[in-house]
Amino acid sequence: MPFVAWVTVLLAVLIIFFAAVGLFRVVMHLRAVDETLEAVVGGVGVISDKTSTVPGVLDSVNANLQPVRDVADSI
């Protein structure tokens, strides 16, 4: 094989190698981002649960305030 062919093959191998290293780094960064996003989504879920809407607890609040309503109605 001529010298120029070997240089071409060597350059192709180097380009492929560095492209593979770059893609591997991208995959590692994406994994880190995925872990961070999972933590954020979990935190958002907790915040969502703790800030639930009033209708979910309205019956309980009304039941606790019934004696107050009775006294206010009798006045």
PDB file of N, CA and C in Angstrom:
ATOM      1  N   MET A   1       0.841  -1.164   0.000  1.00  0.00           N
ATOM      2  CA  MET A   1       0.000   0.000   0.000  1.00  0.00           C
ATOM      3  C   MET A   1       0.900   1.246   0.000  1.00  0.00           C
ATOM      4  N   PRO A   2       0.575   2.213  -0.785  1.00  0.00           N
ATOM      5  CA  PRO A   2       1.404   3.418  -0.826  1.00  0.00           C
ATOM      6  C   PRO A   2       1.331   4.207   0.480  1.00  0.00           C
ATOM      7  N   PHE A   3       2.320   5.021   0.678  1.00  0.00           N
ATOM      8  CA  PHE A   3       2.422   5.823   1.889  1.00  0.00           C
ATOM      9  C   PHE A   3       1.211   6.732   2.070  1.00  0.00           C
ATOM     10  N   VAL A   4       0.720   7.319   1.003  1.00  0.00           N
ATOM     11  CA  VAL A   4      -0.435   8.229   1.072  1.00  0.00           C
ATOM     12  C   VAL A   4      -1.677   7.483   1.553  1.00  0.00           C
ATOM     13  N   ALA A   5      -1.836   6.239   1.171  1.00  0.00           N
ATOM     14  CA  ALA A   5      -2.990   5.450   1.606  1.00  0.00           C
ATOM     15  C   ALA A   5      -2.921   5.203   3.115  1.00  0.00           C
ATOM     16  N   TRP A   6      -1.696   4.915   3.600  1.00  0.00           N
ATOM     17  CA  TRP A   6      -1.541   4.697   5.034  1.00  0.00           C
ATOM     18  C   TRP A   6      -1.828   5.977   5.827  1.00  0.00           C
ATOM     19  N   VAL A   7      -1.396   7.084   5.309  1.00  0.00           N
ATOM     20  CA  VAL A   7      -1.669   8.361   5.978  1.00  0.00           C
ATOM     21  C   VAL A   7      -3.170   8.623   6.003  1.00  0.00           C
ATOM     22  N   THR A   8      -3.846   8.326   4.913  1.00  0.00           N
ATOM     23  CA  THR A   8      -5.298   8.506   4.844  1.00  0.00           C
ATOM     24  C   THR A   8      -6.002   7.608   5.856  1.00  0.00           C
ATOM     25  N   VAL A   9      -5.566   6.362   5.947  1.00  0.00           N
ATOM     26  CA  VAL A   9      -6.162   5.428   6.907  1.00  0.00           C
ATOM     27  C   VAL A   9      -5.900   5.907   8.337  1.00  0.00           C
ATOM     28  N   LEU A  10      -4.673   6.348   8.595  1.00  0.00           N
ATOM     29  CA  LEU A  10      -4.337   6.848   9.924  1.00  0.00           C
ATOM     30  C   LEU A  10      -5.185   8.072  10.296  1.00  0.00           C
ATOM     31  N   LEU A  11      -5.324   8.990   9.367  1.00  0.00           N
ATOM     32  CA  LEU A  11      -6.162  10.161   9.621  1.00  0.00           C
ATOM     33  C   LEU A  11      -7.621   9.773   9.860  1.00  0.00           C
ATOM     34  N   ALA A  12      -8.115   8.826   9.097  1.00  0.00           N
ATOM     35  CA  ALA A  12      -9.493   8.365   9.273  1.00  0.00           C
ATOM     36  C   ALA A  12      -9.675   7.734  10.649  1.00  0.00           C
ATOM     37  N   VAL A  13      -8.701   6.928  11.059  1.00  0.00           N
ATOM     38  CA  VAL A  13      -8.770   6.288  12.379  1.00  0.00           C
ATOM     39  C   VAL A  13      -8.734   7.350  13.475  1.00  0.00           C
ATOM     40  N   LEU A  14      -7.877   8.344  13.356  1.00  0.00           N
ATOM     41  CA  LEU A  14      -7.803   9.409  14.349  1.00  0.00           C
ATOM     42  C   LEU A  14      -9.102  10.200  14.421  1.00  0.00           C
ATOM     43  N   ILE A  15      -9.673  10.517  13.268  1.00  0.00           N
ATOM     44  CA  ILE A  15     -10.944  11.261  13.241  1.00  0.00           C
ATOM     45  C   ILE A  15     -12.049  10.448  13.902  1.00  0.00           C
ATOM     46  N   ILE A  16     -12.116   9.173  13.593  1.00  0.00           N
ATOM     47  CA  ILE A  16     -13.146   8.312  14.182  1.00  0.00           C
ATOM     48  C   ILE A  16     -12.927   8.176  15.683  1.00  0.00           C
ATOM     49  N   PHE A  17     -11.662   8.037  16.097  1.00  0.00           N
ATOM     50  CA  PHE A  17     -11.356   7.915  17.518  1.00  0.00           C
ATOM     51  C   PHE A  17     -11.789   9.156  18.286  1.00  0.00           C
ATOM     52  N   PHE A  18     -11.422  10.332  17.793  1.00  0.00           N
ATOM     53  CA  PHE A  18     -11.783  11.555  18.503  1.00  0.00           C
ATOM     54  C   PHE A  18     -13.284  11.826  18.445  1.00  0.00           C
ATOM     55  N   ALA A  19     -13.927  11.428  17.379  1.00  0.00           N
ATOM     56  CA  ALA A  19     -15.387  11.555  17.324  1.00  0.00           C
ATOM     57  C   ALA A  19     -16.031  10.636  18.357  1.00  0.00           C
ATOM     58  N   ALA A  20     -15.505   9.426  18.511  1.00  0.00           N
ATOM     59  CA  ALA A  20     -16.036   8.492  19.501  1.00  0.00           C
ATOM     60  C   ALA A  20     -15.820   9.021  20.921  1.00  0.00           C
ATOM     61  N   VAL A  21     -14.642   9.590  21.188  1.00  0.00           N
ATOM     62  CA  VAL A  21     -14.371  10.169  22.502  1.00  0.00           C
ATOM     63  C   VAL A  21     -15.330  11.323  22.769  1.00  0.00           C
ATOM     64  N   GLY A  22     -15.556  12.161  21.782  1.00  0.00           N
ATOM     65  CA  GLY A  22     -16.495  13.269  21.938  1.00  0.00           C
ATOM     66  C   GLY A  22     -17.905  12.782  22.213  1.00  0.00           C
ATOM     67  N   LEU A  23     -18.340  11.771  21.486  1.00  0.00           N
ATOM     68  CA  LEU A  23     -19.685  11.225  21.712  1.00  0.00           C
ATOM     69  C   LEU A  23     -19.797  10.587  23.091  1.00  0.00           C
ATOM     70  N   PHE A  24     -18.730   9.934  23.525  1.00  0.00           N
ATOM     71  CA  PHE A  24     -18.737   9.337  24.855  1.00  0.00           C
ATOM     72  C   PHE A  24     -18.879  10.419  25.926  1.00  0.00           C
ATOM     73  N   ARG A  25     -18.193  11.534  25.752  1.00  0.00           N
ATOM     74  CA  ARG A  25     -18.315  12.645  26.702  1.00  0.00           C
ATOM     75  C   ARG A  25     -19.730  13.212  26.701  1.00  0.00           C
ATOM     76  N   VAL A  26     -20.330  13.304  25.530  1.00  0.00           N
ATOM     77  CA  VAL A  26     -21.713  13.788  25.443  1.00  0.00           C
ATOM     78  C   VAL A  26     -22.646  12.847  26.191  1.00  0.00           C
ATOM     79  N   VAL A  27     -22.437  11.546  26.033  1.00  0.00           N
ATOM     80  CA  VAL A  27     -23.271  10.563  26.733  1.00  0.00           C
ATOM     81  C   VAL A  27     -23.113  10.712  28.242  1.00  0.00           C
ATOM     82  N   MET A  28     -21.907  10.924  28.714  1.00  0.00           N
ATOM     83  CA  MET A  28     -21.685  11.096  30.150  1.00  0.00           C
ATOM     84  C   MET A  28     -22.366  12.368  30.672  1.00  0.00           C
ATOM     85  N   HIS A  29     -22.292  13.434  29.910  1.00  0.00           N
ATOM     86  CA  HIS A  29     -22.973  14.671  30.307  1.00  0.00           C
ATOM     87  C   HIS A  29     -24.491  14.477  30.319  1.00  0.00           C
ATOM     88  N   LEU A  30     -25.005  13.768  29.331  1.00  0.00           N
ATOM     89  CA  LEU A  30     -26.452  13.527  29.294  1.00  0.00           C
ATOM     90  C   LEU A  30     -26.907  12.664  30.465  1.00  0.00           C
ATOM     91  N   ARG A  31     -26.085  11.721  30.890  1.00  0.00           N
ATOM     92  CA  ARG A  31     -26.436  10.920  32.063  1.00  0.00           C
ATOM     93  C   ARG A  31     -26.495  11.798  33.312  1.00  0.00           C
ATOM     94  N   ALA A  32     -25.538  12.701  33.440  1.00  0.00           N
ATOM     95  CA  ALA A  32     -25.532  13.607  34.591  1.00  0.00           C
ATOM     96  C   ALA A  32     -26.772  14.502  34.566  1.00  0.00           C
ATOM     97  N   VAL A  33     -27.123  14.996  33.400  1.00  0.00           N
ATOM     98  CA  VAL A  33     -28.316  15.840  33.268  1.00  0.00           C
ATOM     99  C   VAL A  33     -29.564  15.028  33.602  1.00  0.00           C
ATOM    100  N   ASP A  34     -29.606  13.776  33.179  1.00  0.00           N
ATOM    101  CA  ASP A  34     -30.752  12.914  33.468  1.00  0.00           C
ATOM    102  C   ASP A  34     -30.922  12.722  34.972  1.00  0.00           C
ATOM    103  N   GLU A  35     -29.825  12.477  35.678  1.00  0.00           N
ATOM    104  CA  GLU A  35     -29.901  12.305  37.127  1.00  0.00           C
ATOM    105  C   GLU A  35     -30.382  13.595  37.801  1.00  0.00           C
ATOM    106  N   THR A  36     -29.880  14.726  37.338  1.00  0.00           N
ATOM    107  CA  THR A  36     -30.296  16.002  37.907  1.00  0.00           C
ATOM    108  C   THR A  36     -31.776  16.258  37.651  1.00  0.00           C
ATOM    109  N   LEU A  37     -32.228  15.968  36.440  1.00  0.00           N
ATOM    110  CA  LEU A  37     -33.641  16.188  36.117  1.00  0.00           C
ATOM    111  C   LEU A  37     -34.545  15.255  36.920  1.00  0.00           C
ATOM    112  N   GLU A  38     -34.098  14.030  37.172  1.00  0.00           N
ATOM    113  CA  GLU A  38     -34.894  13.124  38.003  1.00  0.00           C
ATOM    114  C   GLU A  38     -35.043  13.697  39.408  1.00  0.00           C
ATOM    115  N   ALA A  39     -33.962  14.261  39.944  1.00  0.00           N
ATOM    116  CA  ALA A  39     -34.033  14.870  41.277  1.00  0.00           C
ATOM    117  C   ALA A  39     -34.965  16.075  41.268  1.00  0.00           C
ATOM    118  N   VAL A  40     -34.904  16.882  40.221  1.00  0.00           N
ATOM    119  CA  VAL A  40     -35.763  18.064  40.125  1.00  0.00           C
ATOM    120  C   VAL A  40     -37.224  17.650  40.017  1.00  0.00           C
ATOM    121  N   VAL A  41     -37.504  16.647  39.212  1.00  0.00           N
ATOM    122  CA  VAL A  41     -38.884  16.188  39.052  1.00  0.00           C
ATOM    123  C   VAL A  41     -39.408  15.642  40.377  1.00  0.00           C
ATOM    124  N   GLY A  42     -38.558  14.924  41.102  1.00  0.00           N
ATOM    125  CA  GLY A  42     -38.970  14.436  42.422  1.00  0.00           C
ATOM    126  C   GLY A  42     -39.282  15.580  43.361  1.00  0.00           C
ATOM    127  N   GLY A  43     -38.457  16.613  43.345  1.00  0.00           N
ATOM    128  CA  GLY A  43     -38.703  17.782  44.183  1.00  0.00           C
ATOM    129  C   GLY A  43     -39.978  18.506  43.808  1.00  0.00           C
ATOM    130  N   VAL A  44     -40.236  18.608  42.518  1.00  0.00           N
ATOM    131  CA  VAL A  44     -41.464  19.255  42.057  1.00  0.00           C
ATOM    132  C   VAL A  44     -42.680  18.443  42.496  1.00  0.00           C
ATOM    133  N   GLY A  45     -42.549  17.127  42.479  1.00  0.00           N
ATOM    134  CA  GLY A  45     -43.652  16.283  42.943  1.00  0.00           C
ATOM    135  C   GLY A  45     -43.951  16.508  44.419  1.00  0.00           C
ATOM    136  N   VAL A  46     -42.896  16.638  45.219  1.00  0.00           N
ATOM    137  CA  VAL A  46     -43.084  16.894  46.652  1.00  0.00           C
ATOM    138  C   VAL A  46     -43.743  18.251  46.865  1.00  0.00           C
ATOM    139  N   ILE A  47     -43.271  19.254  46.140  1.00  0.00           N
ATOM    140  CA  ILE A  47     -43.871  20.588  46.257  1.00  0.00           C
ATOM    141  C   ILE A  47     -45.336  20.549  45.829  1.00  0.00           C
ATOM    142  N   SER A  48     -45.622  19.820  44.775  1.00  0.00           N
ATOM    143  CA  SER A  48     -46.998  19.706  44.298  1.00  0.00           C
ATOM    144  C   SER A  48     -47.894  19.048  45.349  1.00  0.00           C
ATOM    145  N   ASP A  49     -47.374  18.014  46.005  1.00  0.00           N
ATOM    146  CA  ASP A  49     -48.167  17.352  47.043  1.00  0.00           C
ATOM    147  C   ASP A  49     -48.400  18.263  48.239  1.00  0.00           C
ATOM    148  N   LYS A  50     -47.379  19.031  48.616  1.00  0.00           N
ATOM    149  CA  LYS A  50     -47.503  19.884  49.794  1.00  0.00           C
ATOM    150  C   LYS A  50     -48.347  21.129  49.527  1.00  0.00           C
ATOM    151  N   THR A  51     -48.509  21.493  48.281  1.00  0.00           N
ATOM    152  CA  THR A  51     -49.314  22.665  47.942  1.00  0.00           C
ATOM    153  C   THR A  51     -50.580  22.247  47.208  1.00  0.00           C
ATOM    154  N   SER A  52     -51.189  21.173  47.693  1.00  0.00           N
ATOM    155  CA  SER A  52     -52.399  20.693  47.038  1.00  0.00           C
ATOM    156  C   SER A  52     -53.507  21.730  47.170  1.00  0.00           C
ATOM    157  N   THR A  53     -54.486  21.633  46.313  1.00  0.00           N
ATOM    158  CA  THR A  53     -55.553  22.623  46.274  1.00  0.00           C
ATOM    159  C   THR A  53     -56.479  22.482  47.475  1.00  0.00           C
ATOM    160  N   VAL A  54     -57.220  23.515  47.737  1.00  0.00           N
ATOM    161  CA  VAL A  54     -58.116  23.562  48.883  1.00  0.00           C
ATOM    162  C   VAL A  54     -59.215  22.503  48.819  1.00  0.00           C
ATOM    163  N   PRO A  55     -59.846  22.229  47.678  1.00  0.00           N
ATOM    164  CA  PRO A  55     -60.952  21.256  47.689  1.00  0.00           C
ATOM    165  C   PRO A  55     -60.568  19.887  48.244  1.00  0.00           C
ATOM    166  N   GLY A  56     -59.298  19.539  48.217  1.00  0.00           N
ATOM    167  CA  GLY A  56     -58.893  18.245  48.769  1.00  0.00           C
ATOM    168  C   GLY A  56     -59.056  18.172  50.276  1.00  0.00           C
ATOM    169  N   VAL A  57     -58.950  19.297  50.974  1.00  0.00           N
ATOM    170  CA  VAL A  57     -59.046  19.311  52.430  1.00  0.00           C
ATOM    171  C   VAL A  57     -60.235  20.135  52.919  1.00  0.00           C
ATOM    172  N   LEU A  58     -61.053  20.614  52.017  1.00  0.00           N
ATOM    173  CA  LEU A  58     -62.167  21.493  52.383  1.00  0.00           C
ATOM    174  C   LEU A  58     -63.170  20.808  53.303  1.00  0.00           C
ATOM    175  N   ASP A  59     -63.487  19.548  53.059  1.00  0.00           N
ATOM    176  CA  ASP A  59     -64.454  18.838  53.908  1.00  0.00           C
ATOM    177  C   ASP A  59     -63.945  18.730  55.340  1.00  0.00           C
ATOM    178  N   SER A  60     -62.669  18.448  55.491  1.00  0.00           N
ATOM    179  CA  SER A  60     -62.084  18.343  56.831  1.00  0.00           C
ATOM    180  C   SER A  60     -62.129  19.692  57.557  1.00  0.00           C
ATOM    181  N   VAL A  61     -61.812  20.748  56.848  1.00  0.00           N
ATOM    182  CA  VAL A  61     -61.840  22.086  57.451  1.00  0.00           C
ATOM    183  C   VAL A  61     -63.266  22.451  57.842  1.00  0.00           C
ATOM    184  N   ASN A  62     -64.216  22.186  56.962  1.00  0.00           N
ATOM    185  CA  ASN A  62     -65.625  22.497  57.279  1.00  0.00           C
ATOM    186  C   ASN A  62     -66.121  21.707  58.483  1.00  0.00           C
ATOM    187  N   ALA A  63     -65.689  20.456  58.583  1.00  0.00           N
ATOM    188  CA  ALA A  63     -66.115  19.645  59.731  1.00  0.00           C
ATOM    189  C   ALA A  63     -65.535  20.199  61.024  1.00  0.00           C
ATOM    190  N   ASN A  64     -64.306  20.666  60.982  1.00  0.00           N
ATOM    191  CA  ASN A  64     -63.688  21.230  62.189  1.00  0.00           C
ATOM    192  C   ASN A  64     -64.301  22.572  62.568  1.00  0.00           C
ATOM    193  N   LEU A  65     -64.824  23.309  61.603  1.00  0.00           N
ATOM    194  CA  LEU A  65     -65.396  24.624  61.876  1.00  0.00           C
ATOM    195  C   LEU A  65     -66.898  24.584  62.155  1.00  0.00           C
ATOM    196  N   GLN A  66     -67.510  23.429  62.128  1.00  0.00           N
ATOM    197  CA  GLN A  66     -68.967  23.316  62.359  1.00  0.00           C
ATOM    198  C   GLN A  66     -69.384  23.857  63.719  1.00  0.00           C
ATOM    199  N   PRO A  67     -68.653  23.574  64.796  1.00  0.00           N
ATOM    200  CA  PRO A  67     -69.052  24.157  66.098  1.00  0.00           C
ATOM    201  C   PRO A  67     -68.999  25.689  66.082  1.00  0.00           C
ATOM    202  N   VAL A  68     -68.047  26.260  65.383  1.00  0.00           N
ATOM    203  CA  VAL A  68     -67.949  27.711  65.295  1.00  0.00           C
ATOM    204  C   VAL A  68     -69.154  28.264  64.540  1.00  0.00           C
ATOM    205  N   ARG A  69     -69.536  27.576  63.470  1.00  0.00           N
ATOM    206  CA  ARG A  69     -70.709  28.011  62.705  1.00  0.00           C
ATOM    207  C   ARG A  69     -71.974  27.940  63.549  1.00  0.00           C
ATOM    208  N   ASP A  70     -72.094  26.869  64.325  1.00  0.00           N
ATOM    209  CA  ASP A  70     -73.281  26.723  65.185  1.00  0.00           C
ATOM    210  C   ASP A  70     -73.392  27.859  66.188  1.00  0.00           C
ATOM    211  N   VAL A  71     -72.253  28.226  66.788  1.00  0.00           N
ATOM    212  CA  VAL A  71     -72.266  29.321  67.760  1.00  0.00           C
ATOM    213  C   VAL A  71     -72.574  30.631  67.055  1.00  0.00           C
ATOM    214  N   ALA A  72     -72.013  30.845  65.873  1.00  0.00           N
ATOM    215  CA  ALA A  72     -72.258  32.089  65.146  1.00  0.00           C
ATOM    216  C   ALA A  72     -73.718  32.182  64.704  1.00  0.00           C
ATOM    217  N   ASP A  73     -74.326  31.077  64.328  1.00  0.00           N
ATOM    218  CA  ASP A  73     -75.732  31.096  63.943  1.00  0.00           C
ATOM    219  C   ASP A  73     -76.655  31.367  65.131  1.00  0.00           C
ATOM    220  N   SER A  74     -76.253  30.969  66.303  1.00  0.00           N
ATOM    221  CA  SER A  74     -77.119  31.164  67.476  1.00  0.00           C
ATOM    222  C   SER A  74     -77.056  32.603  68.000  1.00  0.00           C
ATOM    223  N   ILE A  75     -76.092  33.366  67.557  1.00  0.00           N
ATOM    224  CA  ILE A  75     -75.959  34.743  68.048  1.00  0.00           C
ATOM    225  C   ILE A  75     -76.921  35.661  67.339  1.00  0.00           C
TER     226      ILE A  75
END
